[in-house]
Amino acid sequence: MWHIVAKATPQLVVKGLEVTIPLALVSFAIGLIIATFTALILISKKRGWFRIIKAIFGFYVWLFRSTPMLVQLFITYFGLPYLTIPGILPNGIKMSSATAALIVFSLNEGAYCSETIRSSVLSIPEGQWEAAYSLGMTKRQVLKKVIFPQALRVAIPPLSNSFISTVKGTSLVYTISVVDMFGLAQQIAAQNYQPMIMYTLTAALYAVACTILTILQKYLEKTSSKYVAR
């Protein structure tokens, strides 16, 4: 048993550093950009035609928060190739499994994190907006210099939790043929006929990674609150 663990552990760690963590980091970074843009759209008080844009972004958030990620992965990777439109998409939409995974994870992060950012911005008292406007600041300056720095402190815990969930969620990509840390564990388990050992080892490695991320989260929370009056 121990020789299997000793041999498999370095392989799983390398695969985690090559696939699992990069996929989580890149999709989270893209998701944050999407989330910030989406949140700003949803909290905007513009009227008229802008309501249509808000409705579209609201539908996007609802859709990705209301459907399982596994189903989204299957639709994107297995379903889109069958979405044919004569003259426009005669062969459907085909992409690599890694691209499909990145798209789905990024859009998921965008949907979930947009609600975090939106609620964090709305948690800042209205009086701070008014005070900043009275100093002659533009809306962009108010957001950049007054609102976002405070909202970030509020958003760090839920955003960190989202990232940790994403790291764990990457185990789903093996279902569309992306060999991540869990996918490699599946292959090794099939070769050695030791599924219990391999799955337990993989769970332990995920736990170690998430524990490190939790420690970093606590550090970020402490740092962001350093100059907050108590």
C-alpha atoms as a PDB file:
ATOM      1  CA  MET A   1       0.000   0.000   0.000  1.00  0.00           C
ATOM      2  CA  TRP A   2       2.649   2.508   1.044  1.00  0.00           C
ATOM      3  CA  HIS A   3       4.695   2.032  -2.089  1.00  0.00           C
ATOM      4  CA  ILE A   4       1.609   2.988  -4.127  1.00  0.00           C
ATOM      5  CA  VAL A   5       1.128   6.117  -2.026  1.00  0.00           C
ATOM      6  CA  ALA A   6       4.820   7.033  -2.269  1.00  0.00           C
ATOM      7  CA  LYS A   7       4.806   6.623  -6.041  1.00  0.00           C
ATOM      8  CA  ALA A   8       1.449   8.302  -6.702  1.00  0.00           C
ATOM      9  CA  THR A   9       1.770  11.332  -4.417  1.00  0.00           C
ATOM     10  CA  PRO A  10       4.413  13.208  -6.468  1.00  0.00           C
ATOM     11  CA  GLN A  11       2.480  12.491  -9.668  1.00  0.00           C
ATOM     12  CA  LEU A  12      -0.745  13.848  -8.194  1.00  0.00           C
ATOM     13  CA  VAL A  13       0.978  16.943  -6.792  1.00  0.00           C
ATOM     14  CA  VAL A  14       2.557  17.707 -10.168  1.00  0.00           C
ATOM     15  CA  LYS A  15      -0.773  17.240 -11.936  1.00  0.00           C
ATOM     16  CA  GLY A  16      -2.405  19.527  -9.399  1.00  0.00           C
ATOM     17  CA  LEU A  17       0.207  22.213 -10.061  1.00  0.00           C
ATOM     18  CA  GLU A  18      -0.057  21.731 -13.823  1.00  0.00           C
ATOM     19  CA  VAL A  19      -3.837  21.549 -14.237  1.00  0.00           C
ATOM     20  CA  THR A  20      -5.957  21.897 -11.089  1.00  0.00           C
ATOM     21  CA  ILE A  21      -4.504  25.093  -9.600  1.00  0.00           C
ATOM     22  CA  PRO A  22      -3.917  26.909 -12.938  1.00  0.00           C
ATOM     23  CA  LEU A  23      -7.471  26.137 -14.079  1.00  0.00           C
ATOM     24  CA  ALA A  24      -8.870  27.455 -10.800  1.00  0.00           C
ATOM     25  CA  LEU A  25      -6.670  30.578 -10.852  1.00  0.00           C
ATOM     26  CA  VAL A  26      -7.294  31.544 -14.482  1.00  0.00           C
ATOM     27  CA  SER A  27     -11.043  30.903 -14.351  1.00  0.00           C
ATOM     28  CA  PHE A  28     -11.283  32.832 -11.075  1.00  0.00           C
ATOM     29  CA  ALA A  29      -9.374  35.796 -12.534  1.00  0.00           C
ATOM     30  CA  ILE A  30     -11.558  35.873 -15.647  1.00  0.00           C
ATOM     31  CA  GLY A  31     -14.626  35.351 -13.484  1.00  0.00           C
ATOM     32  CA  LEU A  32     -13.735  38.351 -11.304  1.00  0.00           C
ATOM     33  CA  ILE A  33     -13.558  40.584 -14.375  1.00  0.00           C
ATOM     34  CA  ILE A  34     -16.932  39.304 -15.572  1.00  0.00           C
ATOM     35  CA  ALA A  35     -18.351  39.599 -12.049  1.00  0.00           C
ATOM     36  CA  THR A  36     -17.232  43.201 -11.561  1.00  0.00           C
ATOM     37  CA  PHE A  37     -18.686  44.268 -14.900  1.00  0.00           C
ATOM     38  CA  THR A  38     -21.916  42.358 -14.219  1.00  0.00           C
ATOM     39  CA  ALA A  39     -22.270  43.801 -10.713  1.00  0.00           C
ATOM     40  CA  LEU A  40     -21.827  47.362 -11.995  1.00  0.00           C
ATOM     41  CA  ILE A  41     -24.505  46.728 -14.618  1.00  0.00           C
ATOM     42  CA  LEU A  42     -26.940  45.306 -12.064  1.00  0.00           C
ATOM     43  CA  ILE A  43     -26.510  48.109  -9.500  1.00  0.00           C
ATOM     44  CA  SER A  44     -26.792  50.836 -12.122  1.00  0.00           C
ATOM     45  CA  LYS A  45     -29.837  53.079 -11.763  1.00  0.00           C
ATOM     46  CA  LYS A  46     -30.044  53.922 -15.452  1.00  0.00           C
ATOM     47  CA  ARG A  47     -33.479  53.640 -17.026  1.00  0.00           C
ATOM     48  CA  GLY A  48     -34.921  53.175 -20.497  1.00  0.00           C
ATOM     49  CA  TRP A  49     -33.132  50.818 -22.888  1.00  0.00           C
ATOM     50  CA  PHE A  50     -30.559  50.015 -20.192  1.00  0.00           C
ATOM     51  CA  ARG A  51     -33.182  47.862 -18.481  1.00  0.00           C
ATOM     52  CA  ILE A  52     -32.846  45.380 -21.344  1.00  0.00           C
ATOM     53  CA  ILE A  53     -29.105  45.054 -20.693  1.00  0.00           C
ATOM     54  CA  LYS A  54     -29.754  44.606 -16.964  1.00  0.00           C
ATOM     55  CA  ALA A  55     -32.309  41.909 -17.751  1.00  0.00           C
ATOM     56  CA  ILE A  56     -29.811  40.052 -19.966  1.00  0.00           C
ATOM     57  CA  PHE A  57     -27.112  40.108 -17.287  1.00  0.00           C
ATOM     58  CA  GLY A  58     -29.661  39.206 -14.626  1.00  0.00           C
ATOM     59  CA  PHE A  59     -30.702  36.197 -16.710  1.00  0.00           C
ATOM     60  CA  TYR A  60     -27.062  35.145 -17.081  1.00  0.00           C
ATOM     61  CA  VAL A  61     -26.541  35.240 -13.313  1.00  0.00           C
ATOM     62  CA  TRP A  62     -29.786  33.343 -12.692  1.00  0.00           C
ATOM     63  CA  LEU A  63     -28.982  30.689 -15.302  1.00  0.00           C
ATOM     64  CA  PHE A  64     -25.521  29.793 -14.034  1.00  0.00           C
ATOM     65  CA  ARG A  65     -26.534  29.924 -10.376  1.00  0.00           C
ATOM     66  CA  SER A  66     -29.566  27.719 -11.010  1.00  0.00           C
ATOM     67  CA  THR A  67     -28.047  24.864 -13.018  1.00  0.00           C
ATOM     68  CA  PRO A  68     -25.454  22.238 -12.019  1.00  0.00           C
ATOM     69  CA  MET A  69     -21.918  22.857 -13.241  1.00  0.00           C
ATOM     70  CA  LEU A  70     -21.660  19.264 -14.454  1.00  0.00           C
ATOM     71  CA  VAL A  71     -24.639  19.818 -16.755  1.00  0.00           C
ATOM     72  CA  GLN A  72     -23.066  23.055 -18.003  1.00  0.00           C
ATOM     73  CA  LEU A  73     -19.833  21.211 -18.802  1.00  0.00           C
ATOM     74  CA  PHE A  74     -21.712  18.541 -20.744  1.00  0.00           C
ATOM     75  CA  ILE A  75     -23.753  21.088 -22.702  1.00  0.00           C
ATOM     76  CA  THR A  76     -20.659  23.117 -23.584  1.00  0.00           C
ATOM     77  CA  TYR A  77     -18.406  20.226 -24.566  1.00  0.00           C
ATOM     78  CA  PHE A  78     -20.811  17.552 -25.823  1.00  0.00           C
ATOM     79  CA  GLY A  79     -23.864  19.617 -26.764  1.00  0.00           C
ATOM     80  CA  LEU A  80     -22.560  22.684 -28.624  1.00  0.00           C
ATOM     81  CA  PRO A  81     -21.042  20.635 -31.497  1.00  0.00           C
ATOM     82  CA  TYR A  82     -24.635  19.686 -32.376  1.00  0.00           C
ATOM     83  CA  LEU A  83     -25.815  23.310 -32.390  1.00  0.00           C
ATOM     84  CA  THR A  84     -25.771  23.706 -36.155  1.00  0.00           C
ATOM     85  CA  ILE A  85     -27.066  26.737 -38.042  1.00  0.00           C
ATOM     86  CA  PRO A  86     -27.001  26.363 -41.854  1.00  0.00           C
ATOM     87  CA  GLY A  87     -24.713  28.932 -43.426  1.00  0.00           C
ATOM     88  CA  ILE A  88     -23.440  30.200 -40.057  1.00  0.00           C
ATOM     89  CA  LEU A  89     -22.499  27.204 -37.917  1.00  0.00           C
ATOM     90  CA  PRO A  90     -22.717  24.206 -40.246  1.00  0.00           C
ATOM     91  CA  ASN A  91     -20.490  22.107 -37.971  1.00  0.00           C
ATOM     92  CA  GLY A  92     -21.677  23.415 -34.625  1.00  0.00           C
ATOM     93  CA  ILE A  93     -19.359  24.885 -32.009  1.00  0.00           C
ATOM     94  CA  LYS A  94     -16.384  22.643 -31.307  1.00  0.00           C
ATOM     95  CA  MET A  95     -13.641  23.272 -28.787  1.00  0.00           C
ATOM     96  CA  SER A  96     -11.077  21.390 -26.749  1.00  0.00           C
ATOM     97  CA  SER A  97     -12.080  19.950 -23.399  1.00  0.00           C
ATOM     98  CA  ALA A  98      -9.701  22.344 -21.610  1.00  0.00           C
ATOM     99  CA  THR A  99     -11.290  25.338 -23.336  1.00  0.00           C
ATOM    100  CA  ALA A 100     -14.784  24.125 -22.455  1.00  0.00           C
ATOM    101  CA  ALA A 101     -13.751  23.708 -18.815  1.00  0.00           C
ATOM    102  CA  LEU A 102     -12.209  27.183 -18.680  1.00  0.00           C
ATOM    103  CA  ILE A 103     -15.310  28.799 -20.211  1.00  0.00           C
ATOM    104  CA  VAL A 104     -17.741  27.058 -17.865  1.00  0.00           C
ATOM    105  CA  PHE A 105     -15.695  27.713 -14.726  1.00  0.00           C
ATOM    106  CA  SER A 106     -15.130  31.361 -15.673  1.00  0.00           C
ATOM    107  CA  LEU A 107     -18.818  31.989 -16.354  1.00  0.00           C
ATOM    108  CA  ASN A 108     -19.748  30.248 -13.103  1.00  0.00           C
ATOM    109  CA  GLU A 109     -17.316  32.370 -11.137  1.00  0.00           C
ATOM    110  CA  GLY A 110     -18.646  35.460 -12.879  1.00  0.00           C
ATOM    111  CA  ALA A 111     -22.223  34.639 -11.909  1.00  0.00           C
ATOM    112  CA  TYR A 112     -21.553  33.781  -8.272  1.00  0.00           C
ATOM    113  CA  CYS A 113     -18.955  36.480  -7.613  1.00  0.00           C
ATOM    114  CA  SER A 114     -21.126  39.163  -9.220  1.00  0.00           C
ATOM    115  CA  GLU A 115     -23.645  38.719  -6.419  1.00  0.00           C
ATOM    116  CA  THR A 116     -20.854  38.954  -3.852  1.00  0.00           C
ATOM    117  CA  ILE A 117     -19.482  42.152  -5.386  1.00  0.00           C
ATOM    118  CA  ARG A 118     -22.936  43.637  -5.867  1.00  0.00           C
ATOM    119  CA  SER A 119     -23.935  43.067  -2.245  1.00  0.00           C
ATOM    120  CA  SER A 120     -20.542  44.344  -1.030  1.00  0.00           C
ATOM    121  CA  VAL A 121     -20.905  47.590  -2.981  1.00  0.00           C
ATOM    122  CA  LEU A 122     -24.478  48.044  -1.790  1.00  0.00           C
ATOM    123  CA  SER A 123     -23.338  47.536   1.819  1.00  0.00           C
ATOM    124  CA  ILE A 124     -21.436  50.844   1.699  1.00  0.00           C
ATOM    125  CA  PRO A 125     -23.629  53.621   3.177  1.00  0.00           C
ATOM    126  CA  GLU A 126     -25.280  55.910   0.625  1.00  0.00           C
ATOM    127  CA  GLY A 127     -23.878  58.890   2.502  1.00  0.00           C
ATOM    128  CA  GLN A 128     -20.364  58.042   1.330  1.00  0.00           C
ATOM    129  CA  TRP A 129     -21.457  58.379  -2.288  1.00  0.00           C
ATOM    130  CA  GLU A 130     -23.057  61.737  -1.532  1.00  0.00           C
ATOM    131  CA  ALA A 131     -20.011  62.984   0.391  1.00  0.00           C
ATOM    132  CA  ALA A 132     -17.689  62.012  -2.454  1.00  0.00           C
ATOM    133  CA  TYR A 133     -19.921  63.672  -5.045  1.00  0.00           C
ATOM    134  CA  SER A 134     -19.969  66.839  -2.937  1.00  0.00           C
ATOM    135  CA  LEU A 135     -16.159  66.938  -3.239  1.00  0.00           C
ATOM    136  CA  GLY A 136     -16.476  67.031  -7.007  1.00  0.00           C
ATOM    137  CA  MET A 137     -15.594  63.399  -7.709  1.00  0.00           C
ATOM    138  CA  THR A 138     -16.938  61.631 -10.769  1.00  0.00           C
ATOM    139  CA  LYS A 139     -18.738  58.300 -10.440  1.00  0.00           C
ATOM    140  CA  ARG A 140     -15.634  56.459 -11.639  1.00  0.00           C
ATOM    141  CA  GLN A 141     -13.476  58.220  -9.036  1.00  0.00           C
ATOM    142  CA  VAL A 142     -15.982  57.463  -6.286  1.00  0.00           C
ATOM    143  CA  LEU A 143     -15.991  53.774  -7.183  1.00  0.00           C
ATOM    144  CA  LYS A 144     -12.210  53.552  -7.499  1.00  0.00           C
ATOM    145  CA  LYS A 145     -11.132  55.615  -4.479  1.00  0.00           C
ATOM    146  CA  VAL A 146     -14.013  55.319  -2.020  1.00  0.00           C
ATOM    147  CA  ILE A 147     -16.407  52.439  -2.664  1.00  0.00           C
ATOM    148  CA  PHE A 148     -14.292  49.585  -4.056  1.00  0.00           C
ATOM    149  CA  PRO A 149     -11.567  49.715  -1.353  1.00  0.00           C
ATOM    150  CA  GLN A 150     -14.232  49.332   1.335  1.00  0.00           C
ATOM    151  CA  ALA A 151     -16.308  46.827  -0.620  1.00  0.00           C
ATOM    152  CA  LEU A 152     -13.223  44.671  -1.176  1.00  0.00           C
ATOM    153  CA  ARG A 153     -12.769  44.236   2.565  1.00  0.00           C
ATOM    154  CA  VAL A 154     -16.366  43.027   2.818  1.00  0.00           C
ATOM    155  CA  ALA A 155     -16.022  40.774  -0.231  1.00  0.00           C
ATOM    156  CA  ILE A 156     -12.757  39.009   0.656  1.00  0.00           C
ATOM    157  CA  PRO A 157     -14.290  36.197   2.790  1.00  0.00           C
ATOM    158  CA  PRO A 158     -17.013  35.148   0.308  1.00  0.00           C
ATOM    159  CA  LEU A 159     -14.700  35.577  -2.690  1.00  0.00           C
ATOM    160  CA  SER A 160     -12.071  33.432  -0.977  1.00  0.00           C
ATOM    161  CA  ASN A 161     -14.686  30.780  -0.279  1.00  0.00           C
ATOM    162  CA  SER A 162     -15.675  30.895  -3.944  1.00  0.00           C
ATOM    163  CA  PHE A 163     -12.098  30.289  -5.014  1.00  0.00           C
ATOM    164  CA  ILE A 164     -11.706  27.374  -2.598  1.00  0.00           C
ATOM    165  CA  SER A 165     -14.936  25.876  -3.975  1.00  0.00           C
ATOM    166  CA  THR A 166     -13.555  26.308  -7.486  1.00  0.00           C
ATOM    167  CA  VAL A 167     -10.385  24.403  -6.597  1.00  0.00           C
ATOM    168  CA  LYS A 168     -12.508  21.511  -5.343  1.00  0.00           C
ATOM    169  CA  GLY A 169     -14.907  21.819  -8.266  1.00  0.00           C
ATOM    170  CA  THR A 170     -12.140  21.281 -10.808  1.00  0.00           C
ATOM    171  CA  SER A 171     -12.466  17.561 -10.102  1.00  0.00           C
ATOM    172  CA  LEU A 172     -15.506  17.645 -12.406  1.00  0.00           C
ATOM    173  CA  VAL A 173     -13.407  18.319 -15.504  1.00  0.00           C
ATOM    174  CA  TYR A 174     -12.367  14.678 -15.715  1.00  0.00           C
ATOM    175  CA  THR A 175     -15.892  13.950 -16.951  1.00  0.00           C
ATOM    176  CA  ILE A 176     -15.053  15.793 -20.189  1.00  0.00           C
ATOM    177  CA  SER A 177     -11.620  14.160 -20.575  1.00  0.00           C
ATOM    178  CA  VAL A 178      -9.443  16.792 -18.890  1.00  0.00           C
ATOM    179  CA  VAL A 179      -6.934  14.857 -16.795  1.00  0.00           C
ATOM    180  CA  ASP A 180      -6.529  16.869 -13.610  1.00  0.00           C
ATOM    181  CA  MET A 181      -5.398  15.637 -10.206  1.00  0.00           C
ATOM    182  CA  PHE A 182      -8.583  13.631  -9.654  1.00  0.00           C
ATOM    183  CA  GLY A 183      -8.520  12.320 -13.214  1.00  0.00           C
ATOM    184  CA  LEU A 184      -4.987  11.026 -12.736  1.00  0.00           C
ATOM    185  CA  ALA A 185      -6.062   9.410  -9.466  1.00  0.00           C
ATOM    186  CA  GLN A 186      -8.826   7.620 -11.371  1.00  0.00           C
ATOM    187  CA  GLN A 187      -6.329   6.287 -13.885  1.00  0.00           C
ATOM    188  CA  ILE A 188      -3.863   5.108 -11.237  1.00  0.00           C
ATOM    189  CA  ALA A 189      -6.685   3.470  -9.267  1.00  0.00           C
ATOM    190  CA  ALA A 190      -7.757   1.570 -12.380  1.00  0.00           C
ATOM    191  CA  GLN A 191      -4.191   0.360 -12.962  1.00  0.00           C
ATOM    192  CA  ASN A 192      -3.493  -0.736  -9.375  1.00  0.00           C
ATOM    193  CA  TYR A 193      -7.000  -1.812  -8.370  1.00  0.00           C
ATOM    194  CA  GLN A 194      -6.693   0.329  -5.247  1.00  0.00           C
ATOM    195  CA  PRO A 195      -9.511   2.903  -5.528  1.00  0.00           C
ATOM    196  CA  MET A 196      -9.852   3.421  -1.773  1.00  0.00           C
ATOM    197  CA  ILE A 197      -6.182   4.316  -1.362  1.00  0.00           C
ATOM    198  CA  MET A 198      -6.098   6.626  -4.368  1.00  0.00           C
ATOM    199  CA  TYR A 199      -9.335   8.453  -3.574  1.00  0.00           C
ATOM    200  CA  THR A 200      -8.323   8.917   0.061  1.00  0.00           C
ATOM    201  CA  LEU A 201      -4.916  10.229  -1.007  1.00  0.00           C
ATOM    202  CA  THR A 202      -6.550  12.627  -3.474  1.00  0.00           C
ATOM    203  CA  ALA A 203      -8.965  13.853  -0.817  1.00  0.00           C
ATOM    204  CA  ALA A 204      -6.017  14.479   1.515  1.00  0.00           C
ATOM    205  CA  LEU A 205      -4.199  16.513  -1.153  1.00  0.00           C
ATOM    206  CA  TYR A 206      -7.300  18.605  -1.832  1.00  0.00           C
ATOM    207  CA  ALA A 207      -7.640  19.137   1.922  1.00  0.00           C
ATOM    208  CA  VAL A 208      -4.027  20.319   2.192  1.00  0.00           C
ATOM    209  CA  ALA A 209      -4.462  22.726  -0.728  1.00  0.00           C
ATOM    210  CA  CYS A 210      -7.701  24.142   0.679  1.00  0.00           C
ATOM    211  CA  THR A 211      -6.162  24.487   4.148  1.00  0.00           C
ATOM    212  CA  ILE A 212      -3.309  26.553   2.702  1.00  0.00           C
ATOM    213  CA  LEU A 213      -5.838  28.710   0.848  1.00  0.00           C
ATOM    214  CA  THR A 214      -7.857  29.165   4.042  1.00  0.00           C
ATOM    215  CA  ILE A 215      -4.737  30.382   5.862  1.00  0.00           C
ATOM    216  CA  LEU A 216      -4.103  32.860   3.037  1.00  0.00           C
ATOM    217  CA  GLN A 217      -7.717  33.970   3.296  1.00  0.00           C
ATOM    218  CA  LYS A 218      -7.324  34.711   7.009  1.00  0.00           C
ATOM    219  CA  TYR A 219      -4.159  36.673   6.265  1.00  0.00           C
ATOM    220  CA  LEU A 220      -5.926  38.752   3.612  1.00  0.00           C
ATOM    221  CA  GLU A 221      -8.824  39.439   5.969  1.00  0.00           C
ATOM    222  CA  LYS A 222      -6.435  40.527   8.706  1.00  0.00           C
ATOM    223  CA  THR A 223      -4.428  42.724   6.334  1.00  0.00           C
ATOM    224  CA  SER A 224      -7.494  44.392   4.822  1.00  0.00           C
ATOM    225  CA  SER A 225      -8.867  45.189   8.287  1.00  0.00           C
ATOM    226  CA  LYS A 226      -5.585  46.522   9.662  1.00  0.00           C
ATOM    227  CA  TYR A 227      -6.536  50.178   9.444  1.00  0.00           C
ATOM    228  CA  VAL A 228     -10.227  49.811  10.179  1.00  0.00           C
ATOM    229  CA  ALA A 229     -11.343  51.635  13.294  1.00  0.00           C
ATOM    230  CA  ARG A 230     -12.831  49.379  15.941  1.00  0.00           C
END
